[in-house]
Amino acid sequence: MSKVENLQTNNPDVLLVEPDIERDAALGVQWLEGELGRATLTSMGVADKDNKPTTIEHERERVRDFIEKQDQLNWMIEYQGKVVGSVWADLEQVGNVPAPAIHIMIGDPDVRGKGVGFAATSKVTEYLENQGFNTIYSRHLTKNSGASGLLQSLGFTNFGELYTDEDGLEWQNVKREVKV
């Protein structure tokens, strides 16, 4: 039994689908290989010391966790019939970020800047609000202007002071309040 249902976004080309271990593990390896993969992980806040190539076994375990974890909701992002990334919501606080907190990764660099992240993040935010959450949280690296702009365009505002994590990365928490 899946924890999530497929969700159609406002963009007819973007559908959120449940994770599949074999399909998504292979995609994870593909997305995270080489210099572009390192850059993707860096933009998400993975410290240099942890930014290493992945394996199919590691990615299978990651997707299995997506499916089995009870404190997260996870969807894969499908664009024009092809899985291009993932979006998830932490249902319990993780580190300095209150819950529920939404996060996204566009693994396929060819679809970045095409509104895929906006459509996916917008739909999961709407989904969480429909589940009764009045405030949705996220965070972004202060140097990640793309993530900052995306979250601002969805009505997220800065929450709290900038902070530096144990790896020396500077973050900004953001939140979006449901308008009543």
Protein backbone atom coordinates (compact mmCIF):
# COMPACT_ATOMS: atom_id res chain seq x y z
CA MET A 1 0.00 0.00 0.00
CA SER A 2 1.49 3.32 -1.08
CA LYS A 3 1.65 6.29 1.28
CA VAL A 4 1.12 8.74 -1.57
CA GLU A 5 -1.27 9.08 -4.44
CA ASN A 6 -0.31 10.32 -7.87
CA LEU A 7 -0.94 14.06 -8.10
CA GLN A 8 -1.59 16.06 -11.26
CA THR A 9 -0.09 19.53 -11.06
CA ASN A 10 -1.45 22.70 -12.66
CA ASN A 11 1.01 22.05 -15.49
CA PRO A 12 -0.42 19.26 -17.69
CA ASP A 13 3.15 18.10 -18.46
CA VAL A 14 4.04 17.57 -14.77
CA LEU A 15 2.70 14.63 -12.75
CA LEU A 16 3.84 13.51 -9.29
CA VAL A 17 4.07 9.71 -9.09
CA GLU A 18 4.95 7.23 -6.39
CA PRO A 19 8.57 6.07 -6.24
CA ASP A 20 9.62 2.80 -7.89
CA ILE A 21 12.81 1.15 -6.61
CA GLU A 22 14.30 -0.15 -9.87
CA ARG A 23 13.32 2.78 -12.11
CA ASP A 24 14.33 5.48 -9.66
CA ALA A 25 17.55 3.87 -8.39
CA ALA A 26 18.90 3.74 -11.95
CA LEU A 27 17.87 7.37 -12.49
CA GLY A 28 19.54 8.41 -9.24
CA VAL A 29 22.85 6.92 -10.37
CA GLN A 30 22.50 8.68 -13.74
CA TRP A 31 21.58 12.08 -12.22
CA LEU A 32 24.35 12.05 -9.62
CA GLU A 33 27.29 10.93 -11.75
CA GLY A 34 30.09 13.16 -12.97
CA GLU A 35 30.67 16.86 -12.43
CA LEU A 36 27.02 17.76 -13.08
CA GLY A 37 25.95 15.30 -10.39
CA ARG A 38 28.43 16.81 -7.94
CA ALA A 39 27.08 20.28 -8.77
CA THR A 40 23.49 19.11 -8.21
CA LEU A 41 24.37 17.74 -4.78
CA THR A 42 26.35 20.86 -3.90
CA SER A 43 23.35 23.06 -4.77
CA MET A 44 21.24 20.93 -2.40
CA GLY A 45 23.69 21.41 0.46
CA VAL A 46 25.71 18.21 0.38
CA ALA A 47 29.11 19.03 1.89
CA ASP A 48 32.21 18.41 -0.23
CA LYS A 49 33.38 15.62 2.10
CA ASP A 50 30.10 13.74 1.46
CA ASN A 51 29.74 14.57 -2.23
CA LYS A 52 30.84 11.29 -3.79
CA PRO A 53 29.60 9.12 -6.64
CA THR A 54 26.70 6.85 -5.74
CA THR A 55 26.01 3.19 -6.51
CA ILE A 56 22.93 1.33 -7.67
CA GLU A 57 22.77 -0.42 -4.29
CA HIS A 58 22.89 2.89 -2.40
CA GLU A 59 20.19 4.37 -4.65
CA ARG A 60 17.95 1.30 -4.22
CA GLU A 61 18.23 1.76 -0.45
CA ARG A 62 17.45 5.47 -0.76
CA VAL A 63 14.30 4.80 -2.81
CA ARG A 64 13.28 1.99 -0.44
CA ASP A 65 13.54 4.55 2.38
CA PHE A 66 11.38 6.94 0.33
CA ILE A 67 8.69 4.28 0.19
CA GLU A 68 8.94 2.93 3.75
CA LYS A 69 9.69 5.99 5.90
CA GLN A 70 6.62 7.01 7.89
CA ASP A 71 7.90 10.52 8.62
CA GLN A 72 8.16 11.55 4.95
CA LEU A 73 5.96 11.77 1.89
CA ASN A 74 7.85 11.24 -1.38
CA TRP A 75 6.94 11.64 -5.02
CA MET A 76 8.93 11.35 -8.20
CA ILE A 77 8.40 14.17 -10.68
CA GLU A 78 7.35 13.10 -14.15
CA TYR A 79 7.67 15.62 -16.98
CA GLN A 80 6.18 14.72 -20.36
CA GLY A 81 6.12 11.06 -19.31
CA LYS A 82 9.76 10.93 -18.08
CA VAL A 83 10.84 10.93 -14.41
CA VAL A 84 13.10 13.96 -13.95
CA GLY A 85 13.38 14.52 -10.19
CA SER A 86 11.85 14.09 -6.77
CA VAL A 87 9.92 16.16 -4.26
CA TRP A 88 9.37 15.23 -0.62
CA ALA A 89 7.95 16.52 2.62
CA ASP A 90 9.44 15.82 6.03
CA LEU A 91 6.55 15.34 8.48
CA GLU A 92 8.79 15.66 11.55
CA GLN A 93 11.41 18.33 12.26
CA VAL A 94 14.83 17.55 10.81
CA GLY A 95 17.72 19.58 12.19
CA ASN A 96 16.86 23.28 12.19
CA VAL A 97 13.85 22.96 9.89
CA PRO A 98 10.37 22.66 11.43
CA ALA A 99 7.80 20.34 9.86
CA PRO A 100 6.21 19.86 7.51
CA ALA A 101 9.11 20.87 5.30
CA ILE A 102 9.16 20.53 1.54
CA HIS A 103 12.29 19.75 -0.51
CA ILE A 104 12.94 19.18 -4.21
CA MET A 105 15.62 17.86 -6.52
CA ILE A 106 15.47 18.22 -10.29
CA GLY A 107 17.90 15.51 -11.32
CA ASP A 108 17.59 15.96 -15.08
CA PRO A 109 19.41 19.21 -15.92
CA ASP A 110 17.62 19.47 -19.29
CA VAL A 111 14.32 20.35 -17.59
CA ARG A 112 15.62 22.93 -15.13
CA GLY A 113 14.14 26.35 -15.72
CA LYS A 114 11.01 24.97 -17.43
CA GLY A 115 8.60 25.37 -14.49
CA VAL A 116 8.83 21.73 -13.41
CA GLY A 117 10.07 22.58 -9.92
CA PHE A 118 7.44 25.29 -9.53
CA ALA A 119 4.61 22.94 -10.55
CA ALA A 120 5.83 20.10 -8.29
CA THR A 121 6.52 22.26 -5.24
CA SER A 122 3.26 24.14 -5.66
CA LYS A 123 1.26 20.90 -5.79
CA VAL A 124 2.91 19.37 -2.71
CA THR A 125 2.42 22.64 -0.81
CA GLU A 126 -1.27 22.58 -1.78
CA TYR A 127 -1.50 18.91 -0.78
CA LEU A 128 -0.04 19.62 2.67
CA GLU A 129 -2.36 22.58 3.17
CA ASN A 130 -5.33 20.37 2.24
CA GLN A 131 -4.14 17.91 4.91
CA GLY A 132 -4.65 20.66 7.49
CA PHE A 133 -1.14 22.09 7.83
CA ASN A 134 -1.34 25.87 8.31
CA THR A 135 2.38 26.54 7.87
CA ILE A 136 4.72 24.85 5.41
CA TYR A 137 8.49 25.18 5.82
CA SER A 138 11.57 24.71 3.68
CA ARG A 139 15.15 25.92 3.52
CA HIS A 140 17.72 26.76 0.90
CA LEU A 141 21.41 27.43 0.72
CA THR A 142 21.88 31.18 0.73
CA LYS A 143 23.98 30.88 -2.45
CA ASN A 144 21.26 28.87 -4.27
CA SER A 145 19.39 31.71 -5.97
CA GLY A 146 17.28 29.27 -8.00
CA ALA A 147 15.83 27.60 -4.91
CA SER A 148 15.40 30.96 -3.18
CA GLY A 149 13.52 32.39 -6.17
CA LEU A 150 11.32 29.31 -6.52
CA LEU A 151 10.30 29.39 -2.87
CA GLN A 152 9.68 33.15 -2.92
CA SER A 153 7.50 32.80 -6.03
CA LEU A 154 5.35 30.32 -4.07
CA GLY A 155 4.83 32.75 -1.19
CA PHE A 156 7.53 31.49 1.16
CA THR A 157 9.19 34.17 3.30
CA ASN A 158 12.35 34.13 5.37
CA PHE A 159 11.91 32.58 8.81
CA GLY A 160 14.58 33.15 11.42
CA GLU A 161 18.17 34.19 10.95
CA LEU A 162 20.68 32.78 8.50
CA TYR A 163 22.60 29.92 10.06
CA THR A 164 25.67 27.89 9.30
CA ASP A 165 25.57 24.11 9.68
CA GLU A 166 28.33 21.83 10.96
CA ASP A 167 29.78 21.61 7.43
CA GLY A 168 30.11 25.39 7.13
CA LEU A 169 27.18 25.76 4.72
CA GLU A 170 24.97 28.83 5.14
CA TRP A 171 21.18 28.26 5.11
CA GLN A 172 18.00 30.29 5.25
CA ASN A 173 14.79 28.74 6.57
CA VAL A 174 11.55 29.89 4.94
CA LYS A 175 7.87 29.39 5.64
CA ARG A 176 4.53 29.81 3.94
CA GLU A 177 1.45 30.54 6.01
CA VAL A 178 -1.99 29.45 4.83
CA LYS A 179 -4.11 32.49 4.11
CA VAL A 180 -7.38 32.24 6.06
